Amino acid sequence: MTDAEHGLDKAIRAIKIGVDVSEQEALDRELDRFMKWLKPMLAVDTAETKQVLVSHGVVNVLREDCARQGGLAELQEAAPDFAGGFYLVPPIIE
């Protein structure tokens, strides 16, 4: 059993999904291909590489996030949209 196959077995048990033998064999092959693809990238020495936190040079203009006391009514008023006891937010995945 390869490291990829062993890792896949552990992942399947951890997330408690049902996978039959043919599905597991296909996942094993896919994971093995991915690990072969990933191996050269993991071998690159990045110890002296400076970390890039923001690649586009834009400055964050959002308000400072600070905790404050307030009742439920104030929290609901501060929300862009609140209905039926829930804070409504725009979808991020279509």
PDB file of N, CA and C in Angstrom:
ATOM      1  N   MET A   1       0.847  -1.182   0.000  1.00  0.00           N
ATOM      2  CA  MET A   1       0.000   0.000   0.000  1.00  0.00           C
ATOM      3  C   MET A   1       0.894   1.247   0.000  1.00  0.00           C
ATOM      4  N   THR A   2       0.643   2.166  -0.935  1.00  0.00           N
ATOM      5  CA  THR A   2       1.439   3.391  -1.009  1.00  0.00           C
ATOM      6  C   THR A   2       1.002   4.364   0.081  1.00  0.00           C
ATOM      7  N   ASP A   3       1.823   5.407   0.287  1.00  0.00           N
ATOM      8  CA  ASP A   3       1.455   6.444   1.264  1.00  0.00           C
ATOM      9  C   ASP A   3       0.147   7.113   0.875  1.00  0.00           C
ATOM     10  N   ALA A   4      -0.048   7.328  -0.438  1.00  0.00           N
ATOM     11  CA  ALA A   4      -1.274   7.960  -0.912  1.00  0.00           C
ATOM     12  C   ALA A   4      -2.489   7.092  -0.591  1.00  0.00           C
ATOM     13  N   GLU A   5      -2.347   5.776  -0.823  1.00  0.00           N
ATOM     14  CA  GLU A   5      -3.458   4.866  -0.542  1.00  0.00           C
ATOM     15  C   GLU A   5      -3.756   4.820   0.951  1.00  0.00           C
ATOM     16  N   HIS A   6      -2.699   4.787   1.763  1.00  0.00           N
ATOM     17  CA  HIS A   6      -2.882   4.769   3.212  1.00  0.00           C
ATOM     18  C   HIS A   6      -3.584   6.056   3.668  1.00  0.00           C
ATOM     19  N   GLY A   7      -3.166   7.197   3.115  1.00  0.00           N
ATOM     20  CA  GLY A   7      -3.783   8.479   3.453  1.00  0.00           C
ATOM     21  C   GLY A   7      -5.239   8.527   3.043  1.00  0.00           C
ATOM     22  N   LEU A   8      -5.549   7.954   1.877  1.00  0.00           N
ATOM     23  CA  LEU A   8      -6.925   7.930   1.402  1.00  0.00           C
ATOM     24  C   LEU A   8      -7.795   7.083   2.319  1.00  0.00           C
ATOM     25  N   ASP A   9      -7.291   5.931   2.742  1.00  0.00           N
ATOM     26  CA  ASP A   9      -8.043   5.089   3.682  1.00  0.00           C
ATOM     27  C   ASP A   9      -8.361   5.858   4.961  1.00  0.00           C
ATOM     28  N   LYS A  10      -7.365   6.557   5.482  1.00  0.00           N
ATOM     29  CA  LYS A  10      -7.575   7.323   6.716  1.00  0.00           C
ATOM     30  C   LYS A  10      -8.593   8.435   6.494  1.00  0.00           C
ATOM     31  N   ALA A  11      -8.517   9.109   5.344  1.00  0.00           N
ATOM     32  CA  ALA A  11      -9.451  10.196   5.053  1.00  0.00           C
ATOM     33  C   ALA A  11     -10.882   9.673   4.937  1.00  0.00           C
ATOM     34  N   ILE A  12     -11.046   8.553   4.260  1.00  0.00           N
ATOM     35  CA  ILE A  12     -12.385   7.968   4.096  1.00  0.00           C
ATOM     36  C   ILE A  12     -12.978   7.603   5.452  1.00  0.00           C
ATOM     37  N   ARG A  13     -12.151   7.022   6.324  1.00  0.00           N
ATOM     38  CA  ARG A  13     -12.655   6.674   7.660  1.00  0.00           C
ATOM     39  C   ARG A  13     -12.970   7.929   8.468  1.00  0.00           C
ATOM     40  N   ALA A  14     -12.141   8.960   8.340  1.00  0.00           N
ATOM     41  CA  ALA A  14     -12.325  10.172   9.138  1.00  0.00           C
ATOM     42  C   ALA A  14     -13.592  10.921   8.754  1.00  0.00           C
ATOM     43  N   ILE A  15     -13.902  10.982   7.457  1.00  0.00           N
ATOM     44  CA  ILE A  15     -15.087  11.738   7.050  1.00  0.00           C
ATOM     45  C   ILE A  15     -16.333  10.865   6.965  1.00  0.00           C
ATOM     46  N   LYS A  16     -16.154   9.582   7.246  1.00  0.00           N
ATOM     47  CA  LYS A  16     -17.275   8.649   7.384  1.00  0.00           C
ATOM     48  C   LYS A  16     -18.199   8.646   6.168  1.00  0.00           C
ATOM     49  N   ILE A  17     -17.597   8.461   4.990  1.00  0.00           N
ATOM     50  CA  ILE A  17     -18.398   8.329   3.779  1.00  0.00           C
ATOM     51  C   ILE A  17     -18.316   6.898   3.294  1.00  0.00           C
ATOM     52  N   GLY A  18     -19.346   6.470   2.627  1.00  0.00           N
ATOM     53  CA  GLY A  18     -19.355   5.126   2.071  1.00  0.00           C
ATOM     54  C   GLY A  18     -18.705   5.129   0.698  1.00  0.00           C
ATOM     55  N   VAL A  19     -17.669   4.347   0.529  1.00  0.00           N
ATOM     56  CA  VAL A  19     -16.970   4.241  -0.752  1.00  0.00           C
ATOM     57  C   VAL A  19     -16.815   2.763  -1.063  1.00  0.00           C
ATOM     58  N   ASP A  20     -17.351   2.362  -2.215  1.00  0.00           N
ATOM     59  CA  ASP A  20     -17.190   0.945  -2.561  1.00  0.00           C
ATOM     60  C   ASP A  20     -15.801   0.721  -3.163  1.00  0.00           C
ATOM     61  N   VAL A  21     -15.465  -0.532  -3.399  1.00  0.00           N
ATOM     62  CA  VAL A  21     -14.116  -0.912  -3.826  1.00  0.00           C
ATOM     63  C   VAL A  21     -13.728  -0.235  -5.141  1.00  0.00           C
ATOM     64  N   SER A  22     -14.631  -0.214  -6.122  1.00  0.00           N
ATOM     65  CA  SER A  22     -14.282   0.383  -7.424  1.00  0.00           C
ATOM     66  C   SER A  22     -14.072   1.885  -7.287  1.00  0.00           C
ATOM     67  N   GLU A  23     -14.879   2.540  -6.466  1.00  0.00           N
ATOM     68  CA  GLU A  23     -14.686   3.978  -6.232  1.00  0.00           C
ATOM     69  C   GLU A  23     -13.353   4.235  -5.537  1.00  0.00           C
ATOM     70  N   GLN A  24     -13.026   3.395  -4.569  1.00  0.00           N
ATOM     71  CA  GLN A  24     -11.769   3.583  -3.846  1.00  0.00           C
ATOM     72  C   GLN A  24     -10.574   3.360  -4.765  1.00  0.00           C
ATOM     73  N   GLU A  25     -10.666   2.383  -5.657  1.00  0.00           N
ATOM     74  CA  GLU A  25      -9.570   2.156  -6.602  1.00  0.00           C
ATOM     75  C   GLU A  25      -9.378   3.371  -7.509  1.00  0.00           C
ATOM     76  N   ALA A  26     -10.496   3.967  -7.974  1.00  0.00           N
ATOM     77  CA  ALA A  26     -10.412   5.157  -8.825  1.00  0.00           C
ATOM     78  C   ALA A  26      -9.830   6.330  -8.037  1.00  0.00           C
ATOM     79  N   LEU A  27     -10.245   6.483  -6.791  1.00  0.00           N
ATOM     80  CA  LEU A  27      -9.701   7.553  -5.944  1.00  0.00           C
ATOM     81  C   LEU A  27      -8.222   7.333  -5.671  1.00  0.00           C
ATOM     82  N   ASP A  28      -7.824   6.083  -5.459  1.00  0.00           N
ATOM     83  CA  ASP A  28      -6.411   5.750  -5.244  1.00  0.00           C
ATOM     84  C   ASP A  28      -5.573   6.183  -6.451  1.00  0.00           C
ATOM     85  N   ARG A  29      -6.058   5.858  -7.656  1.00  0.00           N
ATOM     86  CA  ARG A  29      -5.316   6.225  -8.871  1.00  0.00           C
ATOM     87  C   ARG A  29      -5.238   7.748  -9.015  1.00  0.00           C
ATOM     88  N   GLU A  30      -6.340   8.419  -8.765  1.00  0.00           N
ATOM     89  CA  GLU A  30      -6.367   9.876  -8.886  1.00  0.00           C
ATOM     90  C   GLU A  30      -5.437  10.529  -7.857  1.00  0.00           C
ATOM     91  N   LEU A  31      -5.469  10.042  -6.629  1.00  0.00           N
ATOM     92  CA  LEU A  31      -4.604  10.586  -5.590  1.00  0.00           C
ATOM     93  C   LEU A  31      -3.138  10.317  -5.904  1.00  0.00           C
ATOM     94  N   ASP A  32      -2.843   9.148  -6.441  1.00  0.00           N
ATOM     95  CA  ASP A  32      -1.474   8.822  -6.816  1.00  0.00           C
ATOM     96  C   ASP A  32      -0.977   9.753  -7.917  1.00  0.00           C
ATOM     97  N   ARG A  33      -1.818  10.008  -8.941  1.00  0.00           N
ATOM     98  CA  ARG A  33      -1.439  10.952 -10.004  1.00  0.00           C
ATOM     99  C   ARG A  33      -1.197  12.342  -9.428  1.00  0.00           C
ATOM    100  N   PHE A  34      -2.048  12.772  -8.507  1.00  0.00           N
ATOM    101  CA  PHE A  34      -1.884  14.086  -7.893  1.00  0.00           C
ATOM    102  C   PHE A  34      -0.578  14.165  -7.111  1.00  0.00           C
ATOM    103  N   MET A  35      -0.266  13.132  -6.347  1.00  0.00           N
ATOM    104  CA  MET A  35       0.962  13.136  -5.557  1.00  0.00           C
ATOM    105  C   MET A  35       2.198  13.168  -6.462  1.00  0.00           C
ATOM    106  N   LYS A  36       2.152  12.458  -7.593  1.00  0.00           N
ATOM    107  CA  LYS A  36       3.264  12.497  -8.548  1.00  0.00           C
ATOM    108  C   LYS A  36       3.411  13.895  -9.138  1.00  0.00           C
ATOM    109  N   TRP A  37       2.284  14.558  -9.397  1.00  0.00           N
ATOM    110  CA  TRP A  37       2.296  15.929  -9.916  1.00  0.00           C
ATOM    111  C   TRP A  37       2.840  16.896  -8.874  1.00  0.00           C
ATOM    112  N   LEU A  38       2.491  16.682  -7.624  1.00  0.00           N
ATOM    113  CA  LEU A  38       2.860  17.583  -6.538  1.00  0.00           C
ATOM    114  C   LEU A  38       4.313  17.427  -6.094  1.00  0.00           C
ATOM    115  N   LYS A  39       4.869  16.237  -6.217  1.00  0.00           N
ATOM    116  CA  LYS A  39       6.200  15.928  -5.692  1.00  0.00           C
ATOM    117  C   LYS A  39       7.288  16.906  -6.152  1.00  0.00           C
ATOM    118  N   PRO A  40       7.389  17.263  -7.443  1.00  0.00           N
ATOM    119  CA  PRO A  40       8.438  18.219  -7.843  1.00  0.00           C
ATOM    120  C   PRO A  40       8.272  19.594  -7.194  1.00  0.00           C
ATOM    121  N   MET A  41       7.034  20.003  -6.983  1.00  0.00           N
ATOM    122  CA  MET A  41       6.804  21.310  -6.355  1.00  0.00           C
ATOM    123  C   MET A  41       7.215  21.306  -4.888  1.00  0.00           C
ATOM    124  N   LEU A  42       6.973  20.200  -4.218  1.00  0.00           N
ATOM    125  CA  LEU A  42       7.352  20.109  -2.813  1.00  0.00           C
ATOM    126  C   LEU A  42       8.862  20.024  -2.640  1.00  0.00           C
ATOM    127  N   ALA A  43       9.563  19.618  -3.691  1.00  0.00           N
ATOM    128  CA  ALA A  43      11.009  19.490  -3.630  1.00  0.00           C
ATOM    129  C   ALA A  43      11.729  20.834  -3.785  1.00  0.00           C
ATOM    130  N   VAL A  44      11.019  21.879  -4.224  1.00  0.00           N
ATOM    131  CA  VAL A  44      11.635  23.189  -4.425  1.00  0.00           C
ATOM    132  C   VAL A  44      11.971  23.813  -3.067  1.00  0.00           C
ATOM    133  N   ASP A  45      13.213  24.282  -2.938  1.00  0.00           N
ATOM    134  CA  ASP A  45      13.652  24.922  -1.690  1.00  0.00           C
ATOM    135  C   ASP A  45      13.140  26.358  -1.664  1.00  0.00           C
ATOM    136  N   THR A  46      12.241  26.634  -0.753  1.00  0.00           N
ATOM    137  CA  THR A  46      11.662  27.978  -0.630  1.00  0.00           C
ATOM    138  C   THR A  46      12.074  28.659   0.670  1.00  0.00           C
ATOM    139  N   ALA A  47      13.094  28.136   1.338  1.00  0.00           N
ATOM    140  CA  ALA A  47      13.504  28.652   2.639  1.00  0.00           C
ATOM    141  C   ALA A  47      13.888  30.131   2.586  1.00  0.00           C
ATOM    142  N   GLU A  48      14.512  30.558   1.502  1.00  0.00           N
ATOM    143  CA  GLU A  48      14.966  31.947   1.393  1.00  0.00           C
ATOM    144  C   GLU A  48      13.973  32.836   0.639  1.00  0.00           C
ATOM    145  N   THR A  49      12.806  32.309   0.312  1.00  0.00           N
ATOM    146  CA  THR A  49      11.819  33.061  -0.446  1.00  0.00           C
ATOM    147  C   THR A  49      11.004  33.947   0.494  1.00  0.00           C
ATOM    148  N   LYS A  50      10.884  35.229   0.130  1.00  0.00           N
ATOM    149  CA  LYS A  50      10.100  36.162   0.937  1.00  0.00           C
ATOM    150  C   LYS A  50       8.612  35.884   0.720  1.00  0.00           C
ATOM    151  N   GLN A  51       7.874  35.857   1.806  1.00  0.00           N
ATOM    152  CA  GLN A  51       6.450  35.589   1.740  1.00  0.00           C
ATOM    153  C   GLN A  51       5.719  36.788   1.141  1.00  0.00           C
ATOM    154  N   VAL A  52       4.790  36.534   0.225  1.00  0.00           N
ATOM    155  CA  VAL A  52       3.983  37.577  -0.386  1.00  0.00           C
ATOM    156  C   VAL A  52       2.573  37.452   0.177  1.00  0.00           C
ATOM    157  N   LEU A  53       2.171  38.439   0.963  1.00  0.00           N
ATOM    158  CA  LEU A  53       0.847  38.387   1.565  1.00  0.00           C
ATOM    159  C   LEU A  53      -0.207  38.997   0.649  1.00  0.00           C
ATOM    160  N   VAL A  54       0.147  40.060  -0.060  1.00  0.00           N
ATOM    161  CA  VAL A  54      -0.780  40.708  -0.984  1.00  0.00           C
ATOM    162  C   VAL A  54      -0.045  40.904  -2.291  1.00  0.00           C
ATOM    163  N   SER A  55      -0.526  40.292  -3.342  1.00  0.00           N
ATOM    164  CA  SER A  55       0.197  40.337  -4.606  1.00  0.00           C
ATOM    165  C   SER A  55      -0.236  41.484  -5.508  1.00  0.00           C
ATOM    166  N   HIS A  56      -1.326  42.160  -5.168  1.00  0.00           N
ATOM    167  CA  HIS A  56      -1.852  43.164  -6.088  1.00  0.00           C
ATOM    168  C   HIS A  56      -1.638  44.601  -5.609  1.00  0.00           C
ATOM    169  N   GLY A  57      -1.024  44.822  -4.455  1.00  0.00           N
ATOM    170  CA  GLY A  57      -0.682  46.152  -3.999  1.00  0.00           C
ATOM    171  C   GLY A  57      -1.844  47.009  -3.516  1.00  0.00           C
ATOM    172  N   VAL A  58      -3.014  46.436  -3.316  1.00  0.00           N
ATOM    173  CA  VAL A  58      -4.178  47.184  -2.858  1.00  0.00           C
ATOM    174  C   VAL A  58      -4.187  47.230  -1.333  1.00  0.00           C
ATOM    175  N   VAL A  59      -4.568  48.367  -0.780  1.00  0.00           N
ATOM    176  CA  VAL A  59      -4.635  48.524   0.659  1.00  0.00           C
ATOM    177  C   VAL A  59      -6.054  48.228   1.130  1.00  0.00           C
ATOM    178  N   ASN A  60      -6.192  47.520   2.223  1.00  0.00           N
ATOM    179  CA  ASN A  60      -7.493  47.198   2.787  1.00  0.00           C
ATOM    180  C   ASN A  60      -8.137  48.470   3.329  1.00  0.00           C
ATOM    181  N   VAL A  61      -9.338  48.781   2.856  1.00  0.00           N
ATOM    182  CA  VAL A  61     -10.018  49.998   3.292  1.00  0.00           C
ATOM    183  C   VAL A  61     -11.225  49.691   4.175  1.00  0.00           C
ATOM    184  N   LEU A  62     -11.305  48.467   4.656  1.00  0.00           N
ATOM    185  CA  LEU A  62     -12.421  48.099   5.522  1.00  0.00           C
ATOM    186  C   LEU A  62     -12.246  48.709   6.905  1.00  0.00           C
ATOM    187  N   ARG A  63     -13.343  48.822   7.618  1.00  0.00           N
ATOM    188  CA  ARG A  63     -13.298  49.388   8.965  1.00  0.00           C
ATOM    189  C   ARG A  63     -12.506  48.478   9.892  1.00  0.00           C
ATOM    190  N   GLU A  64     -12.009  49.044  10.954  1.00  0.00           N
ATOM    191  CA  GLU A  64     -11.334  48.266  11.982  1.00  0.00           C
ATOM    192  C   GLU A  64     -12.370  47.363  12.650  1.00  0.00           C
ATOM    193  N   ASP A  65     -12.002  46.141  12.889  1.00  0.00           N
ATOM    194  CA  ASP A  65     -12.912  45.199  13.529  1.00  0.00           C
ATOM    195  C   ASP A  65     -12.676  45.251  15.027  1.00  0.00           C
ATOM    196  N   CYS A  66     -13.648  45.753  15.763  1.00  0.00           N
ATOM    197  CA  CYS A  66     -13.487  45.842  17.212  1.00  0.00           C
ATOM    198  C   CYS A  66     -14.775  45.404  17.907  1.00  0.00           C
ATOM    199  N   ALA A  67     -14.623  44.720  19.018  1.00  0.00           N
ATOM    200  CA  ALA A  67     -15.770  44.239  19.786  1.00  0.00           C
ATOM    201  C   ALA A  67     -16.392  45.396  20.555  1.00  0.00           C
ATOM    202  N   ARG A  68     -17.713  45.358  20.674  1.00  0.00           N
ATOM    203  CA  ARG A  68     -18.402  46.378  21.471  1.00  0.00           C
ATOM    204  C   ARG A  68     -19.666  45.764  22.061  1.00  0.00           C
ATOM    205  N   GLN A  69     -20.112  46.338  23.140  1.00  0.00           N
ATOM    206  CA  GLN A  69     -21.315  45.864  23.796  1.00  0.00           C
ATOM    207  C   GLN A  69     -22.533  46.334  23.016  1.00  0.00           C
ATOM    208  N   GLY A  70     -23.579  45.531  23.027  1.00  0.00           N
ATOM    209  CA  GLY A  70     -24.804  45.923  22.346  1.00  0.00           C
ATOM    210  C   GLY A  70     -25.861  44.865  22.536  1.00  0.00           C
ATOM    211  N   GLY A  71     -27.078  45.296  22.454  1.00  0.00           N
ATOM    212  CA  GLY A  71     -28.193  44.370  22.565  1.00  0.00           C
ATOM    213  C   GLY A  71     -28.538  43.776  21.215  1.00  0.00           C
ATOM    214  N   LEU A  72     -29.441  42.815  21.217  1.00  0.00           N
ATOM    215  CA  LEU A  72     -29.854  42.142  20.000  1.00  0.00           C
ATOM    216  C   LEU A  72     -30.434  43.122  18.992  1.00  0.00           C
ATOM    217  N   ALA A  73     -31.224  44.087  19.450  1.00  0.00           N
ATOM    218  CA  ALA A  73     -31.839  45.058  18.542  1.00  0.00           C
ATOM    219  C   ALA A  73     -30.765  45.863  17.811  1.00  0.00           C
ATOM    220  N   GLU A  74     -29.715  46.276  18.522  1.00  0.00           N
ATOM    221  CA  GLU A  74     -28.634  47.035  17.890  1.00  0.00           C
ATOM    222  C   GLU A  74     -27.891  46.187  16.867  1.00  0.00           C
ATOM    223  N   LEU A  75     -27.689  44.923  17.189  1.00  0.00           N
ATOM    224  CA  LEU A  75     -27.010  44.028  16.250  1.00  0.00           C
ATOM    225  C   LEU A  75     -27.840  43.834  14.982  1.00  0.00           C
ATOM    226  N   GLN A  76     -29.149  43.701  15.154  1.00  0.00           N
ATOM    227  CA  GLN A  76     -30.026  43.527  14.005  1.00  0.00           C
ATOM    228  C   GLN A  76     -30.054  44.789  13.149  1.00  0.00           C
ATOM    229  N   GLU A  77     -30.036  45.946  13.784  1.00  0.00           N
ATOM    230  CA  GLU A  77     -30.034  47.208  13.038  1.00  0.00           C
ATOM    231  C   GLU A  77     -28.734  47.380  12.259  1.00  0.00           C
ATOM    232  N   ALA A  78     -27.639  46.891  12.803  1.00  0.00           N
ATOM    233  CA  ALA A  78     -26.340  47.046  12.145  1.00  0.00           C
ATOM    234  C   ALA A  78     -26.180  46.089  10.964  1.00  0.00           C
ATOM    235  N   ALA A  79     -26.999  45.057  10.933  1.00  0.00           N
ATOM    236  CA  ALA A  79     -26.890  44.070   9.854  1.00  0.00           C
ATOM    237  C   ALA A  79     -27.477  44.640   8.566  1.00  0.00           C
ATOM    238  N   PRO A  80     -26.837  44.360   7.424  1.00  0.00           N
ATOM    239  CA  PRO A  80     -27.375  44.836   6.151  1.00  0.00           C
ATOM    240  C   PRO A  80     -28.772  44.283   5.879  1.00  0.00           C
ATOM    241  N   ASP A  81     -29.013  43.035   6.272  1.00  0.00           N
ATOM    242  CA  ASP A  81     -30.316  42.427   6.046  1.00  0.00           C
ATOM    243  C   ASP A  81     -30.561  41.381   7.135  1.00  0.00           C
ATOM    244  N   PHE A  82     -31.682  41.510   7.813  1.00  0.00           N
ATOM    245  CA  PHE A  82     -32.025  40.611   8.909  1.00  0.00           C
ATOM    246  C   PHE A  82     -33.499  40.274   8.782  1.00  0.00           C
ATOM    247  N   ALA A  83     -33.828  38.990   8.774  1.00  0.00           N
ATOM    248  CA  ALA A  83     -35.235  38.601   8.652  1.00  0.00           C
ATOM    249  C   ALA A  83     -35.445  37.236   9.284  1.00  0.00           C
ATOM    250  N   GLY A  84     -36.551  37.096   9.966  1.00  0.00           N
ATOM    251  CA  GLY A  84     -36.938  35.812  10.530  1.00  0.00           C
ATOM    252  C   GLY A  84     -35.939  35.247  11.525  1.00  0.00           C
ATOM    253  N   GLY A  85     -35.208  36.110  12.221  1.00  0.00           N
ATOM    254  CA  GLY A  85     -34.238  35.648  13.199  1.00  0.00           C
ATOM    255  C   GLY A  85     -32.884  35.284  12.611  1.00  0.00           C
ATOM    256  N   PHE A  86     -32.672  35.599  11.326  1.00  0.00           N
ATOM    257  CA  PHE A  86     -31.412  35.253  10.664  1.00  0.00           C
ATOM    258  C   PHE A  86     -30.775  36.477  10.032  1.00  0.00           C
ATOM    259  N   TYR A  87     -29.447  36.500  10.043  1.00  0.00           N
ATOM    260  CA  TYR A  87     -28.693  37.505   9.309  1.00  0.00           C
ATOM    261  C   TYR A  87     -28.580  37.007   7.874  1.00  0.00           C
ATOM    262  N   LEU A  88     -29.061  37.776   6.938  1.00  0.00           N
ATOM    263  CA  LEU A  88     -29.035  37.370   5.544  1.00  0.00           C
ATOM    264  C   LEU A  88     -27.804  37.929   4.872  1.00  0.00           C
ATOM    265  N   VAL A  89     -27.085  37.076   4.192  1.00  0.00           N
ATOM    266  CA  VAL A  89     -25.857  37.487   3.516  1.00  0.00           C
ATOM    267  C   VAL A  89     -25.950  37.090   2.056  1.00  0.00           C
ATOM    268  N   PRO A  90     -25.273  37.831   1.190  1.00  0.00           N
ATOM    269  CA  PRO A  90     -25.327  37.455  -0.227  1.00  0.00           C
ATOM    270  C   PRO A  90     -24.600  36.140  -0.458  1.00  0.00           C
ATOM    271  N   PRO A  91     -25.037  35.362  -1.432  1.00  0.00           N
ATOM    272  CA  PRO A  91     -24.359  34.097  -1.726  1.00  0.00           C
ATOM    273  C   PRO A  91     -22.965  34.355  -2.277  1.00  0.00           C
ATOM    274  N   ILE A  92     -22.048  33.469  -1.961  1.00  0.00           N
ATOM    275  CA  ILE A  92     -20.693  33.608  -2.490  1.00  0.00           C
ATOM    276  C   ILE A  92     -20.391  32.543  -3.533  1.00  0.00           C
ATOM    277  N   ILE A  93     -21.255  31.559  -3.654  1.00  0.00           N
ATOM    278  CA  ILE A  93     -21.100  30.507  -4.655  1.00  0.00           C
ATOM    279  C   ILE A  93     -22.389  30.425  -5.454  1.00  0.00           C
ATOM    280  N   GLU A  94     -22.246  30.457  -6.749  1.00  0.00           N
ATOM    281  CA  GLU A  94     -23.441  30.379  -7.590  1.00  0.00           C
ATOM    282  C   GLU A  94     -23.701  28.965  -8.014  1.00  0.00           C
TER     283      GLU A  94
END
